[in-house]
Structures are given as C-alpha cells and as structure tokens.
Protein backbone atom coordinates (compact mmCIF):
# COMPACT_ATOMS: atom_id res chain seq x y z
CA MET A 1 100.92 91.34 148.56
CA ALA A 2 99.19 94.21 146.75
CA ARG A 3 97.63 93.34 143.42
CA GLY A 4 98.43 95.41 140.34
CA LYS A 5 95.99 97.25 138.14
CA GLY A 6 93.83 94.83 136.17
CA GLU A 7 94.76 91.86 138.34
CA GLY A 8 91.53 92.01 140.32
CA SER A 9 90.62 92.45 144.00
CA ILE A 10 89.82 90.20 146.97
CA ARG A 11 87.51 90.91 149.91
CA LYS A 12 85.71 89.10 152.71
CA ARG A 13 81.97 89.76 152.61
CA PRO A 14 79.87 90.38 155.75
CA ASP A 15 78.48 86.84 155.49
CA GLY A 16 81.99 85.44 155.80
CA VAL A 17 82.32 84.35 152.15
CA TRP A 18 85.47 85.41 150.30
CA GLU A 19 84.97 87.16 146.92
CA ALA A 20 87.53 87.79 144.19
CA ARG A 21 86.59 90.14 141.34
CA ILE A 22 88.35 91.00 138.10
CA ASP A 23 87.48 93.66 135.52
CA VAL A 24 86.75 92.28 132.06
CA GLY A 25 85.92 95.45 130.13
CA ARG A 26 82.77 97.30 129.22
CA ASP A 27 79.48 96.21 127.67
CA ALA A 28 77.91 97.64 124.51
CA THR A 29 76.50 100.59 126.47
CA GLY A 30 79.91 101.48 127.89
CA LYS A 31 79.14 100.13 131.37
CA ARG A 32 81.97 98.49 133.31
CA ASN A 33 81.76 94.71 133.49
CA SER A 34 83.40 92.32 135.92
CA LYS A 35 83.51 88.65 136.84
CA SER A 36 83.48 87.35 140.41
CA VAL A 37 84.35 84.03 142.06
CA TYR A 38 83.52 82.97 145.64
CA GLY A 39 85.03 80.61 148.21
CA LYS A 40 85.22 79.70 151.86
CA THR A 41 88.87 80.72 152.20
CA LYS A 42 91.04 83.53 150.93
CA LYS A 43 93.45 81.03 149.38
CA ALA A 44 90.66 79.41 147.39
CA VAL A 45 89.52 82.64 145.76
CA THR A 46 93.12 83.79 145.32
CA ASP A 47 93.85 80.67 143.29
CA GLU A 48 90.70 81.19 141.20
CA LEU A 49 91.56 84.86 140.63
CA THR A 50 95.00 83.86 139.38
CA LYS A 51 93.33 81.56 136.84
CA LEU A 52 90.95 84.34 135.74
CA ALA A 53 93.83 86.77 135.30
CA ALA A 54 95.65 84.23 133.12
CA GLN A 55 92.49 83.67 131.06
CA LYS A 56 92.14 87.41 130.60
CA LEU A 57 95.69 87.67 129.29
CA ASP A 58 95.13 84.69 126.98
CA GLY A 59 91.92 86.23 125.65
CA VAL A 60 89.57 83.47 126.73
CA LEU A 61 87.92 85.06 129.76
CA VAL A 62 84.14 85.03 129.31
CA ARG A 63 82.44 88.22 130.42
CA ASN A 64 79.10 88.52 132.21
CA ASP A 65 77.59 90.43 129.30
CA GLN A 66 74.45 89.77 127.26
CA THR A 67 75.45 92.03 124.35
CA THR A 68 74.90 90.29 121.02
CA VAL A 69 77.10 90.49 117.96
CA ALA A 70 74.36 92.36 116.11
CA GLU A 71 74.09 94.97 118.88
CA PHE A 72 77.83 95.43 119.02
CA ILE A 73 78.34 95.80 115.26
CA THR A 74 75.46 98.29 115.09
CA ARG A 75 77.18 100.38 117.74
CA TRP A 76 80.51 100.07 115.91
CA LEU A 77 78.95 101.20 112.63
CA ASP A 78 77.30 104.22 114.27
CA ASP A 79 80.00 105.30 116.71
CA SER A 80 83.24 104.38 114.94
CA ALA A 81 83.01 103.37 111.30
CA ALA A 82 80.72 106.28 110.41
CA LEU A 83 83.45 108.68 111.55
CA LYS A 84 86.35 106.99 109.73
CA VAL A 85 85.28 105.38 106.45
CA ARG A 86 83.79 106.84 103.30
CA ALA A 87 80.01 106.93 102.96
CA SER A 88 80.08 104.30 100.22
CA THR A 89 82.15 101.95 102.39
CA LEU A 90 79.83 102.48 105.36
CA ALA A 91 76.84 101.66 103.17
CA SER A 92 78.54 98.46 101.99
CA TYR A 93 79.38 97.41 105.56
CA THR A 94 75.82 98.09 106.69
CA GLN A 95 74.38 96.02 103.86
CA VAL A 96 76.77 93.11 104.46
CA CYS A 97 75.88 93.17 108.14
CA ARG A 98 72.14 93.21 107.47
CA LEU A 99 72.09 90.56 104.75
CA HIS A 100 74.82 88.17 105.82
CA VAL A 101 76.34 88.67 109.27
CA THR A 102 73.26 89.36 111.41
CA PRO A 103 71.15 86.48 110.06
CA LYS A 104 73.95 84.01 110.80
CA ILE A 105 75.73 85.16 113.98
CA GLY A 106 73.82 88.26 115.05
CA ASP A 107 72.18 86.49 118.02
CA VAL A 108 75.46 85.10 119.33
CA LYS A 109 76.57 86.73 122.58
CA LEU A 110 79.63 88.85 121.91
CA SER A 111 81.34 87.23 124.87
CA LYS A 112 80.74 83.80 123.29
CA LEU A 113 81.86 84.69 119.77
CA SER A 114 84.60 82.31 118.66
CA PRO A 115 86.85 81.85 115.62
CA SER A 116 84.63 78.94 114.54
CA HIS A 117 81.62 81.26 114.35
CA VAL A 118 83.49 83.57 111.99
CA GLN A 119 84.93 80.68 109.97
CA ASN A 120 81.52 79.05 109.56
CA LEU A 121 79.97 82.33 108.41
CA LEU A 122 82.61 82.77 105.71
CA ALA A 123 82.29 79.13 104.63
CA GLU A 124 78.50 79.33 104.35
CA MET A 125 78.72 82.52 102.29
CA THR A 126 81.17 80.79 99.95
CA ARG A 127 78.99 77.68 99.65
CA ALA A 128 76.01 79.90 98.89
CA GLY A 129 77.87 81.25 95.86
CA LYS A 130 78.66 84.70 97.25
CA SER A 131 81.52 86.43 95.52
CA ALA A 132 85.01 86.24 96.99
CA ARG A 133 84.99 90.03 97.29
CA LEU A 134 81.78 89.94 99.36
CA VAL A 135 83.15 87.21 101.64
CA GLN A 136 86.32 89.23 102.14
CA MET A 137 84.28 92.32 102.99
CA ALA A 138 82.34 90.40 105.65
CA TYR A 139 85.59 89.19 107.19
CA THR A 140 87.15 92.66 107.07
CA MET A 141 84.11 94.24 108.71
CA ILE A 142 84.12 91.71 111.58
CA ARG A 143 87.88 92.01 112.08
CA LEU A 144 87.82 95.82 112.12
CA SER A 145 84.83 95.98 114.45
CA LEU A 146 86.41 93.54 116.92
CA SER A 147 89.68 95.49 116.89
CA VAL A 148 87.70 98.53 118.02
CA GLY A 149 85.78 96.38 120.51
CA LEU A 150 89.14 95.38 121.94
CA LYS A 151 90.05 99.05 122.48
CA TRP A 152 86.66 99.69 124.05
CA GLY A 153 87.14 96.78 126.44
CA LEU A 154 84.12 94.91 125.04
CA VAL A 155 86.13 91.85 124.00
CA VAL A 156 89.36 90.37 125.26
CA ARG A 157 90.65 89.18 121.88
CA ASN A 158 89.92 89.58 118.20
CA VAL A 159 88.61 86.13 117.27
CA ALA A 160 88.48 87.04 113.55
CA GLU A 161 92.28 87.01 113.46
CA ALA A 162 92.22 83.30 114.30
CA ALA A 163 89.95 82.54 111.32
CA ASP A 164 91.31 81.94 107.82
CA ARG A 165 91.55 85.22 105.94
CA PRO A 166 89.59 84.98 102.66
CA SER A 167 91.59 85.56 99.51
CA VAL A 168 90.41 87.35 96.41
CA SER A 169 91.88 86.41 93.07
CA ARG A 170 93.10 89.23 90.88
CA HIS A 171 90.42 90.52 88.54
CA GLU A 172 91.36 90.04 84.91
CA ILE A 173 91.40 93.50 83.40
CA THR A 174 90.22 93.91 79.83
CA PRO A 175 91.60 97.13 78.35
CA LEU A 176 90.82 98.14 74.81
CA THR A 177 93.50 97.99 72.17
CA ALA A 178 94.57 101.22 70.49
CA GLU A 179 92.40 100.31 67.48
CA GLN A 180 89.39 99.56 69.67
CA ALA A 181 89.85 102.79 71.63
CA ALA A 182 89.87 104.77 68.38
CA LYS A 183 86.76 102.90 67.21
CA PHE A 184 85.03 103.68 70.52
CA LEU A 185 85.78 107.42 70.25
CA THR A 186 84.59 107.50 66.65
CA ALA A 187 81.25 106.02 67.75
CA ALA A 188 81.09 108.52 70.65
CA LYS A 189 81.84 111.57 68.48
CA SER A 190 78.23 112.68 68.18
CA ASP A 191 77.32 111.93 71.80
CA ARG A 192 76.62 114.85 74.15
CA LEU A 193 79.19 113.46 76.61
CA TYR A 194 81.93 112.85 74.06
CA ALA A 195 84.39 114.91 76.14
CA VAL A 196 83.83 112.58 79.12
CA TYR A 197 85.06 109.62 77.11
CA VAL A 198 88.00 111.52 75.66
CA LEU A 199 89.12 112.48 79.16
CA ALA A 200 88.59 108.95 80.47
CA LEU A 201 90.97 107.57 77.83
CA ALA A 202 93.37 110.51 77.86
CA THR A 203 93.77 110.84 81.63
CA GLY A 204 92.78 107.53 83.21
CA MET A 205 90.47 109.35 85.63
CA ARG A 206 87.84 107.34 87.50
CA GLN A 207 84.19 107.81 86.62
CA GLY A 208 83.42 109.52 89.94
CA GLU A 209 86.35 111.90 89.42
CA LEU A 210 85.13 112.82 85.94
CA PHE A 211 81.56 113.37 87.10
CA GLY A 212 82.81 115.40 90.07
CA LEU A 213 84.79 117.91 88.00
CA GLN A 214 83.82 121.54 88.50
CA ARG A 215 84.75 124.51 86.34
CA ASP A 216 87.49 125.78 88.64
CA ASP A 217 89.19 122.38 88.37
CA VAL A 218 89.93 122.90 84.68
CA ASP A 219 92.53 125.32 83.29
CA ILE A 220 92.04 125.37 79.54
CA LYS A 221 94.92 127.76 78.90
CA ALA A 222 97.38 125.67 80.86
CA GLY A 223 95.88 122.44 79.57
CA THR A 224 95.49 120.89 83.02
CA ILE A 225 92.88 119.31 85.28
CA ASN A 226 93.08 119.44 89.07
CA VAL A 227 91.48 116.33 90.59
CA ARG A 228 90.08 117.40 93.97
CA ARG A 229 86.86 115.45 94.49
CA THR A 230 84.85 112.44 93.42
CA LEU A 231 81.10 112.24 92.92
CA VAL A 232 79.34 109.58 95.00
CA GLU A 233 75.77 108.35 94.55
CA LEU A 234 74.20 106.36 97.39
CA SER A 235 70.53 105.46 97.65
CA GLY A 236 69.69 108.09 95.07
CA LYS A 237 71.52 110.84 96.95
CA ILE A 238 74.52 112.54 95.33
CA THR A 239 77.44 113.85 97.39
CA THR A 240 81.10 114.64 96.80
CA ASN A 241 84.08 113.22 98.67
CA PRO A 242 87.75 114.14 98.58
CA PRO A 243 90.05 111.55 96.97
CA LYS A 244 90.88 108.55 99.16
CA THR A 245 94.59 109.34 99.40
CA ASP A 246 96.96 112.28 98.98
CA LYS A 247 98.10 110.79 95.67
CA GLY A 248 94.49 110.94 94.51
CA ARG A 249 94.70 114.73 94.64
CA ARG A 250 96.66 115.40 91.48
CA LEU A 251 97.26 117.75 88.58
CA ILE A 252 96.95 116.08 85.18
CA GLU A 253 98.43 117.44 81.96
CA LEU A 254 95.99 117.12 79.08
CA PRO A 255 96.79 116.12 75.50
CA GLN A 256 95.56 118.59 72.90
CA MET A 257 92.65 116.40 71.80
CA ALA A 258 91.29 116.51 75.37
CA VAL A 259 91.59 120.31 75.49
CA THR A 260 89.79 120.57 72.15
CA ALA A 261 87.02 118.26 73.36
CA LEU A 262 86.56 120.29 76.56
CA VAL A 263 86.33 123.56 74.64
CA ALA A 264 83.68 122.09 72.33
CA HIS A 265 81.80 120.71 75.34
CA GLY A 266 81.83 124.13 77.01
CA GLU A 267 80.35 125.67 73.89
CA ARG A 268 77.63 123.02 73.88
CA MET A 269 76.81 123.80 77.53
CA LEU A 270 76.46 127.50 76.68
CA ALA A 271 74.13 126.66 73.79
CA GLU A 272 72.01 124.60 76.20
CA GLY A 273 71.68 127.58 78.54
CA LEU A 274 73.94 126.10 81.21
CA LYS A 275 76.49 128.92 81.45
CA ASP A 276 75.99 129.17 85.23
CA CYS A 277 76.39 125.44 85.85
CA ASP A 278 79.34 124.67 88.17
CA TRP A 279 79.71 121.10 86.91
CA VAL A 280 81.96 120.48 83.93
CA PHE A 281 79.68 117.58 82.99
CA SER A 282 75.98 117.68 83.84
CA ASP A 283 72.61 116.55 82.54
CA THR A 284 70.58 118.88 80.36
CA ASP A 285 69.09 120.53 83.45
CA GLY A 286 72.48 121.33 84.96
CA ASN A 287 72.31 118.60 87.59
CA PRO A 288 75.17 116.19 88.38
CA LEU A 289 75.39 113.13 86.16
CA ARG A 290 73.90 109.89 87.46
CA ARG A 291 75.77 106.68 86.70
CA GLN A 292 72.78 104.63 85.56
CA ASN A 293 71.48 107.38 83.30
CA VAL A 294 74.87 107.75 81.62
CA LEU A 295 75.23 103.99 81.30
CA ARG A 296 71.79 103.49 79.77
CA ARG A 297 71.48 106.58 77.57
CA SER A 298 75.05 107.18 76.48
CA PHE A 299 77.69 104.51 77.23
CA MET A 300 75.76 101.39 76.22
CA PRO A 301 74.57 102.83 72.87
CA ILE A 302 78.18 103.78 72.06
CA LEU A 303 79.38 100.25 72.85
CA GLU A 304 76.68 98.80 70.64
CA ALA A 305 77.56 101.14 67.77
CA SER A 306 81.26 100.30 68.06
CA GLY A 307 80.76 96.56 68.56
CA LEU A 308 82.47 96.64 71.95
CA GLN A 309 79.67 95.23 74.09
CA GLY A 310 80.89 93.96 77.44
CA THR A 311 83.30 96.82 78.00
CA ARG A 312 82.91 98.55 81.37
CA PHE A 313 83.37 102.27 81.95
CA HIS A 314 86.28 101.45 84.26
CA ASP A 315 87.97 99.63 81.38
CA LEU A 316 88.59 103.06 79.81
CA ARG A 317 90.87 103.81 82.78
CA HIS A 318 92.67 100.49 82.27
CA THR A 319 93.00 101.30 78.58
CA SER A 320 94.60 104.65 79.32
CA ALA A 321 97.16 103.02 81.60
CA THR A 322 98.09 100.17 79.25
CA LEU A 323 98.38 102.49 76.23
CA MET A 324 100.72 104.79 78.15
CA LEU A 325 102.89 101.92 79.38
CA GLY A 326 102.91 100.34 75.94
CA ALA A 327 104.11 103.63 74.47
CA GLY A 328 107.05 103.64 76.86
CA THR A 329 105.74 106.11 79.44
CA HIS A 330 107.61 105.70 82.72
CA PRO A 331 105.51 103.74 85.27
CA LYS A 332 106.01 106.53 87.84
CA VAL A 333 104.32 108.99 85.49
CA VAL A 334 101.46 106.53 84.90
CA GLN A 335 101.07 106.11 88.67
CA GLU A 336 100.82 109.88 89.14
CA ARG A 337 98.28 110.32 86.37
CA LEU A 338 96.10 107.48 87.71
CA GLY A 339 96.40 108.64 91.31
CA HIS A 340 97.61 105.30 92.68
CA SER A 341 98.95 105.61 96.22
CA GLN A 342 101.98 103.40 95.41
CA ILE A 343 103.80 102.52 92.22
CA GLY A 344 103.53 98.85 93.20
CA ILE A 345 99.78 99.05 92.61
CA THR A 346 100.39 100.34 89.08
CA MET A 347 102.90 97.65 88.21
CA ASP A 348 100.97 94.81 89.86
CA THR A 349 97.84 95.80 87.97
CA TYR A 350 99.26 96.36 84.51
CA SER A 351 102.63 94.67 84.04
CA HIS A 352 101.08 91.32 83.11
CA CYS A 353 99.22 93.06 80.28
CA LEU A 354 102.52 93.99 78.67
CA PRO A 355 104.54 90.85 77.88
CA SER A 356 106.76 93.02 75.67
CA MET A 357 108.17 94.58 78.86
CA GLN A 358 109.41 91.13 79.94
CA LYS A 359 111.01 90.55 76.55
CA GLU A 360 112.70 93.95 76.57
CA ALA A 361 114.04 93.27 80.07
CA ALA A 362 115.49 89.91 78.94
CA VAL A 363 117.20 91.50 75.92
CA SER A 364 118.62 94.31 78.06
CA LEU A 365 120.01 91.89 80.64
CA ASN A 366 121.57 89.78 77.91
CA LEU A 367 123.43 92.82 76.56
CA ILE A 368 124.61 93.73 80.06
CA LEU A 369 125.65 90.28 81.30
CA GLU A 370 127.05 88.57 78.21
CA PRO A 371 130.74 89.59 77.86
CA PRO A 372 131.64 90.85 74.40
CA GLU A 373 134.07 88.84 72.29
CA THR A 374 137.53 90.24 72.98
CA THR A 375 140.95 89.91 71.29
CA VAL A 376 144.49 89.58 72.70
CA LYS A 377 147.95 89.94 71.21
CA HIS A 378 149.67 86.64 70.45
CA PRO A 379 153.44 86.84 70.95
CA ASP A 380 154.23 84.92 67.72
CA SER A 381 151.56 85.58 65.16
CA GLY A 382 150.29 88.96 66.10
CA GLU A 383 146.57 89.27 66.88
CA LYS A 384 144.46 86.26 67.84
CA HIS A 385 141.00 85.86 69.40
CA ALA A 386 140.83 85.28 73.13
CA ASN A 387 139.34 81.84 72.58
CA GLY A 388 142.40 80.78 70.59
CA SER A 389 140.81 80.84 67.11
CA ASP A 390 142.02 82.93 64.20
C-alpha cells in the first residue's frame, strides 16, 4: 500500500537491511531533517515507521538535530520578529533572551526542549524576584518563537503551550485629582515645556505621541491635533514609528486652553530661533526631546514644586481619562481620544477608579425596576390604593 505524504518511506538497502525514513522538519539553517529506523524485515521497519508517524502527530518525535534553543531564538529574532514587531519590542525580546533565557536553557537542544524546561525557567525568574511583567515577556517570547518554529518545521509542537501561562496583576493606576492637576499646571506655568503638560492632561496623549508631534500635525485654526506617529528612543537612537493600531491614528479636538498654550509655545520657539524646526516640541537646539532630559530637567522639578513627587508622566494620561469620565464624557469618546483599540480596554482600565458610576447605575436600575405605587377604583368607596390602604 502506498504511503501518503509525510508518512515516511521504506526501502531495502544493497546490504539487505530494511530502512524506514520519516521527515521531521528542518534544522535552524533550513536544511531538511529526517529520522531513520532499520530492521532485518520489511514488517519490522513498517511497524517502527508506524510508531514514528504516530509520535510525529503527537508532537513527541525527537529529531536528529543539534540546533540549540539559543541558536533557534537568535534566528527567530533576526528572520521573523525583526520584520513583525516594533523596534522597542524587538529590543526587549533580545534583552530578555540574553539575560534570562539563554543563560538558563540556551544550551538545550531544540529537539529536546520540553514543557518542564520552560516551566522551570519561569519559576526560577519568579524566585529570583523578577517582575511578573518580565516573566510574562519571557514566556511570550518563547511561545511566539516556537509557533514560528512549528511553521518552519523546526519543532513538532509548541512546548510553551503546555507550561503554565504567567499572569500579571493589574497595575494600580494613580491619576491626579482635579485639584492636583490644577496645582501641577500652576507649577509648570513658567516651564519651557508647559504646553506639553497642558496637552498631556487635555488630550490623554502618550509621551511618545507628544514628543513625536510635527508642525503639520497641528491645526491651530481648527483646534485639532492629528496623531500620526510616536517618538521612540532606543540605545540613544531616536526614531519614529506609526501608532500600534488603526485606532491609534486619530484626530483630537483641543480645548481652548490647549490651543492657547500651543500658540504661546510657537511664539517661544520663534524667539529661540527655531522657526524652521519641524518638531512641535524640541530642545533648545531644535532636536527631538529625550525622555531622560525632560524627566530630569523639567518634569521632576515641577513635581517637587507642586508637592506631587511619585507621579509618573504616564499618570497625566490616566488623569485625563478619569477627569473626562468623571465629568460624564461618554466612554466611547474617551476611548477615541486615548486611541485605545477597544472600548473594553478603556472601561477595564478606568471604571474601578469611578465608584460613582456604580452608584449611578444602581440608582438608575432601581428607578427602572421598582414599580411605581399605583391606584385602582374601588367599587364602593371610590378610589383606593392598590395595596388596599386608604
């Protein structure tokens, strides 16, 4: 009986020994790899080939390949991840691989990698005090790389999927109150980058989106900002990336105070001789803003002056969202202004900060579900209440 594709082949060698061979994928260089079994009779190797085929389907067939996990992940980073993920994500994956994955399981043969290897790596990272986010990133990187390895024929199953997926607890957001936000802006009033902070609170834009604004993104007359890019700084090199999702590309209506701040900032830029600078916000030489410089020279002094030490720049985005929701802005509008890909992200992130929403929902349901007190006509005495009382 003819064997189907992938089921292997059987032949009798010139020395009289029967050989059965089955394809088990490719190695890290892309070369085809196979596994062979030998026997004195055709039936013997046929039985062994049937077992190998079953092992291949079950994902437990060991390949004759010396490729290590470190070699494979390096190839995945260079040939796959580099083409699909953002530069910042690629840098994070590379660092996690170098510092955590390679030292622990890098020498393991890819064909021998098991769920217990992955589970032990995650457990050791946790015991060493690594953050839950870092442990999750290591797991995600291994799982994604093995899924590609499966497509390439380098592995016969994704062993990471059999390991326990790490969980990351929700980060407790700490937005400013309306009073604190006003206090922060008062302290920032004299700062060169005052308009940055006004926009952060008035629009909920991310820091990279603010720093990546260029002049043609801003329409002062219309009072709008078109978010089209984000500024990324990696290893001292500054680049721009498009937003992660289609929702990240958005047009934001500006409140008047933001328009006023932008006009004043433009006048300051002209006075500094930066009329030809393409960046809306730049350093005094017209170069893109660097996060650490802004943090050290501008943001931290403002926090100290306002008594709001411990506040992160990203908390300004959280503040914008919670102030809008607290003022009754529809969550869909908040989602669009923040650039969240789904409204569920907006509600999951901010609803617990607004207990008043729960109370309002309870009151509304009570009004809807509780039947009003009604009256009926009594045949003898005229009008009586439905419950029988006068």
